[in-house]
């Protein structure tokens, strides 16, 4: 009798080891398939994250440079003073204010993080604004300093309105290339990032 019951019980199972009619659990093959698919998806996500990190760092550095210039202009207009923004190799942005006695006083001094620095990739063209790409910091008046007057205009050391481009990037990573163009007469700033198709806003 006992053997007959065992035979009847075993006859209710399929070859997969799961009870027929959905009464059983998952087979080992199904579990392994789910684990394998999960591992593949995790690997793809990790690769995507690693490639995105340099882009995020470059974007952050670009925003930091842009913010320093915007803050200098805002302060120059509100305080009716001239402010100087200097782009110092490899990755410093210094802001100074000209006081009533004609002395320069420090306002801010930041260092770009994430391995981003002032960098011009030789294989990349100029931005659509075409302000030049002779060096990582290209300003009409030469040098690496720009002065913001109380009227909000950016000028060179001679007081002439200046246009220019600040190029940024991580070493050996052209995909991290960023650019910020400055239109001196109006203080307009335009941000660009490099894509496979070219410079894009």
Protein backbone atom coordinates (compact mmCIF):
# COMPACT_ATOMS: atom_id res chain seq x y z
CA UNK A 1 0.00 0.00 0.00
CA UNK A 2 2.79 2.43 0.89
CA UNK A 3 4.56 1.79 -2.42
CA UNK A 4 1.32 2.35 -4.32
CA UNK A 5 0.84 5.76 -2.62
CA UNK A 6 4.42 6.80 -3.52
CA UNK A 7 3.85 5.80 -7.14
CA UNK A 8 0.64 7.83 -7.31
CA UNK A 9 2.33 10.89 -5.72
CA UNK A 10 5.31 10.80 -8.05
CA UNK A 11 3.08 10.47 -11.11
CA UNK A 12 1.73 13.96 -10.40
CA UNK A 13 5.11 15.63 -11.13
CA UNK A 14 6.54 16.68 -14.47
CA UNK A 15 10.08 15.99 -15.63
CA UNK A 16 11.14 19.49 -14.51
CA UNK A 17 10.65 18.57 -10.87
CA UNK A 18 7.75 21.02 -10.47
CA UNK A 19 4.24 19.89 -9.65
CA UNK A 20 1.94 19.81 -12.66
CA UNK A 21 -0.81 22.42 -12.58
CA UNK A 22 1.37 25.19 -11.04
CA UNK A 23 1.32 23.77 -7.50
CA UNK A 24 5.14 23.70 -7.25
CA UNK A 25 7.94 26.31 -7.09
CA UNK A 26 10.67 27.37 -9.53
CA UNK A 27 13.16 24.98 -11.04
CA UNK A 28 16.90 25.42 -10.72
CA UNK A 29 17.14 26.29 -14.41
CA UNK A 30 14.63 29.11 -14.05
CA UNK A 31 16.40 30.51 -10.99
CA UNK A 32 19.76 30.42 -12.77
CA UNK A 33 18.22 32.19 -15.79
CA UNK A 34 16.87 35.01 -13.61
CA UNK A 35 20.21 35.40 -11.82
CA UNK A 36 22.10 35.49 -15.14
CA UNK A 37 19.81 38.15 -16.63
CA UNK A 38 20.11 40.21 -13.45
CA UNK A 39 23.91 40.01 -13.54
CA UNK A 40 23.97 41.14 -17.17
CA UNK A 41 21.71 44.12 -16.44
CA UNK A 42 23.80 45.08 -13.42
CA UNK A 43 26.98 44.94 -15.50
CA UNK A 44 25.48 47.15 -18.20
CA UNK A 45 24.34 49.65 -15.59
CA UNK A 46 27.81 49.74 -14.02
CA UNK A 47 29.45 50.38 -17.40
CA UNK A 48 26.97 53.15 -18.14
CA UNK A 49 27.59 54.75 -14.74
CA UNK A 50 31.38 54.68 -15.22
CA UNK A 51 31.06 56.42 -18.59
CA UNK A 52 28.66 59.01 -17.18
CA UNK A 53 30.81 60.07 -14.22
CA UNK A 54 33.41 62.01 -16.29
CA UNK A 55 30.58 63.82 -18.08
CA UNK A 56 28.96 64.80 -14.81
CA UNK A 57 32.27 66.09 -13.43
CA UNK A 58 32.87 68.14 -16.56
CA UNK A 59 29.36 69.60 -16.36
CA UNK A 60 29.89 70.51 -12.73
CA UNK A 61 33.17 72.28 -13.48
CA UNK A 62 31.56 74.21 -16.33
CA UNK A 63 28.77 75.38 -14.06
CA UNK A 64 31.29 76.45 -11.41
CA UNK A 65 33.21 78.61 -13.88
CA UNK A 66 30.00 80.11 -15.21
CA UNK A 67 28.79 80.87 -11.69
CA UNK A 68 32.02 82.67 -10.77
CA UNK A 69 31.70 84.96 -13.80
CA UNK A 70 28.00 85.62 -13.13
CA UNK A 71 28.63 86.41 -9.47
CA UNK A 72 31.46 88.80 -10.40
CA UNK A 73 29.17 90.67 -12.78
CA UNK A 74 26.35 90.84 -10.24
CA UNK A 75 28.68 92.17 -7.56
CA UNK A 76 30.32 94.68 -9.90
CA UNK A 77 26.93 96.14 -10.75
CA UNK A 78 25.54 96.15 -7.21
CA UNK A 79 28.68 97.59 -5.59
CA UNK A 80 29.65 99.84 -8.51
CA UNK A 81 33.16 98.42 -8.46
CA UNK A 82 35.41 96.67 -10.97
CA UNK A 83 35.92 92.96 -10.42
CA UNK A 84 38.61 90.82 -11.99
CA UNK A 85 38.15 87.14 -12.86
CA UNK A 86 41.38 85.23 -13.54
CA UNK A 87 41.67 81.75 -15.04
CA UNK A 88 44.84 80.28 -13.58
CA UNK A 89 46.37 77.04 -14.84
CA UNK A 90 45.62 74.31 -14.41
CA UNK A 91 42.22 74.63 -12.71
CA UNK A 92 41.81 77.77 -10.58
CA UNK A 93 39.30 80.59 -10.91
CA UNK A 94 40.17 83.65 -8.83
CA UNK A 95 37.96 86.69 -8.29
CA UNK A 96 39.24 90.00 -6.94
CA UNK A 97 37.63 93.40 -6.29
CA UNK A 98 39.17 96.80 -6.83
CA UNK A 99 38.56 98.84 -3.67
CA UNK A 100 38.25 102.63 -3.32
CA UNK A 101 41.99 102.92 -2.66
CA UNK A 102 42.90 101.18 -5.91
CA UNK A 103 43.96 97.94 -4.23
CA UNK A 104 42.84 94.47 -5.25
CA UNK A 105 41.16 92.45 -2.53
CA UNK A 106 40.33 88.76 -2.75
CA UNK A 107 36.70 87.83 -3.22
CA UNK A 108 36.83 84.15 -4.13
CA UNK A 109 39.30 81.51 -5.23
CA UNK A 110 38.07 78.08 -6.31
CA UNK A 111 39.74 74.97 -7.67
CA UNK A 112 37.89 72.85 -10.19
CA UNK A 113 37.44 69.26 -9.05
CA UNK A 114 37.06 65.85 -10.70
CA UNK A 115 40.24 66.11 -12.77
CA UNK A 116 38.76 68.90 -14.91
CA UNK A 117 41.11 71.68 -15.97
CA UNK A 118 41.46 74.42 -18.56
CA UNK A 119 42.15 72.26 -21.59
CA UNK A 120 41.96 72.62 -25.34
CA UNK A 121 41.78 69.42 -27.37
CA UNK A 122 43.69 69.91 -30.61
CA UNK A 123 41.31 67.70 -32.58
CA UNK A 124 38.21 69.74 -31.70
CA UNK A 125 37.10 72.84 -33.63
CA UNK A 126 36.11 76.24 -32.32
CA UNK A 127 32.62 76.77 -30.90
CA UNK A 128 29.80 78.14 -33.09
CA UNK A 129 30.42 81.59 -31.57
CA UNK A 130 33.86 81.56 -33.24
CA UNK A 131 35.66 83.61 -30.61
CA UNK A 132 38.84 81.64 -31.25
CA UNK A 133 40.54 78.54 -29.92
CA UNK A 134 44.20 79.48 -29.85
CA UNK A 135 44.50 78.33 -26.25
CA UNK A 136 42.39 76.90 -23.43
CA UNK A 137 41.55 80.44 -22.34
CA UNK A 138 41.16 82.60 -25.45
CA UNK A 139 40.31 86.26 -24.81
CA UNK A 140 40.35 89.10 -27.33
CA UNK A 141 42.80 91.13 -25.32
CA UNK A 142 45.09 88.19 -24.66
CA UNK A 143 46.03 87.07 -21.19
CA UNK A 144 43.85 85.08 -18.82
CA UNK A 145 42.07 87.86 -16.94
CA UNK A 146 38.79 89.59 -17.65
CA UNK A 147 37.43 92.65 -15.85
CA UNK A 148 33.80 93.37 -15.17
CA UNK A 149 32.89 97.04 -14.84
CA UNK A 150 30.03 98.59 -12.89
CA UNK A 151 27.97 98.77 -16.09
CA UNK A 152 28.12 94.96 -16.43
CA UNK A 153 30.47 94.99 -19.39
CA UNK A 154 33.49 92.68 -19.55
CA UNK A 155 36.69 94.34 -20.75
CA UNK A 156 40.39 93.62 -21.06
CA UNK A 157 43.17 95.37 -19.13
CA UNK A 158 42.97 98.31 -21.55
CA UNK A 159 39.24 98.77 -20.97
CA UNK A 160 38.22 97.39 -24.36
CA UNK A 161 35.14 95.12 -24.44
CA UNK A 162 36.37 91.58 -24.84
CA UNK A 163 34.90 88.34 -26.13
CA UNK A 164 36.39 84.96 -25.44
CA UNK A 165 36.08 81.27 -24.78
CA UNK A 166 37.12 79.15 -21.81
CA UNK A 167 37.69 75.51 -22.75
CA UNK A 168 37.55 72.75 -20.14
CA UNK A 169 38.08 69.01 -20.08
CA UNK A 170 39.67 65.99 -18.49
CA UNK A 171 43.03 64.85 -19.78
CA UNK A 172 42.85 62.31 -22.65
CA UNK A 173 39.03 62.44 -22.61
CA UNK A 174 37.75 64.56 -25.54
CA UNK A 175 34.19 63.49 -24.72
CA UNK A 176 34.51 65.56 -21.53
CA UNK A 177 35.24 68.75 -23.50
CA UNK A 178 33.22 71.76 -22.40
CA UNK A 179 33.33 75.41 -23.47
CA UNK A 180 31.99 78.67 -22.12
CA UNK A 181 31.81 81.68 -24.40
CA UNK A 182 31.68 85.25 -23.13
CA UNK A 183 30.26 88.20 -25.08
CA UNK A 184 31.85 91.18 -23.35
CA UNK A 185 29.50 93.96 -24.41
CA UNK A 186 26.43 92.30 -22.87
CA UNK A 187 27.93 89.82 -20.41
CA UNK A 188 26.16 86.97 -22.17
CA UNK A 189 27.48 83.50 -21.36
CA UNK A 190 26.83 80.42 -23.49
CA UNK A 191 27.67 76.87 -22.40
CA UNK A 192 28.66 74.12 -24.83
CA UNK A 193 29.42 70.42 -24.51
CA UNK A 194 31.08 68.22 -27.08
CA UNK A 195 29.13 65.44 -28.79
CA UNK A 196 29.88 63.13 -31.71
CA UNK A 197 28.11 65.66 -33.95
CA UNK A 198 29.99 68.70 -32.67
CA UNK A 199 29.48 71.45 -30.09
CA UNK A 200 26.02 71.50 -28.60
CA UNK A 201 24.35 73.84 -26.11
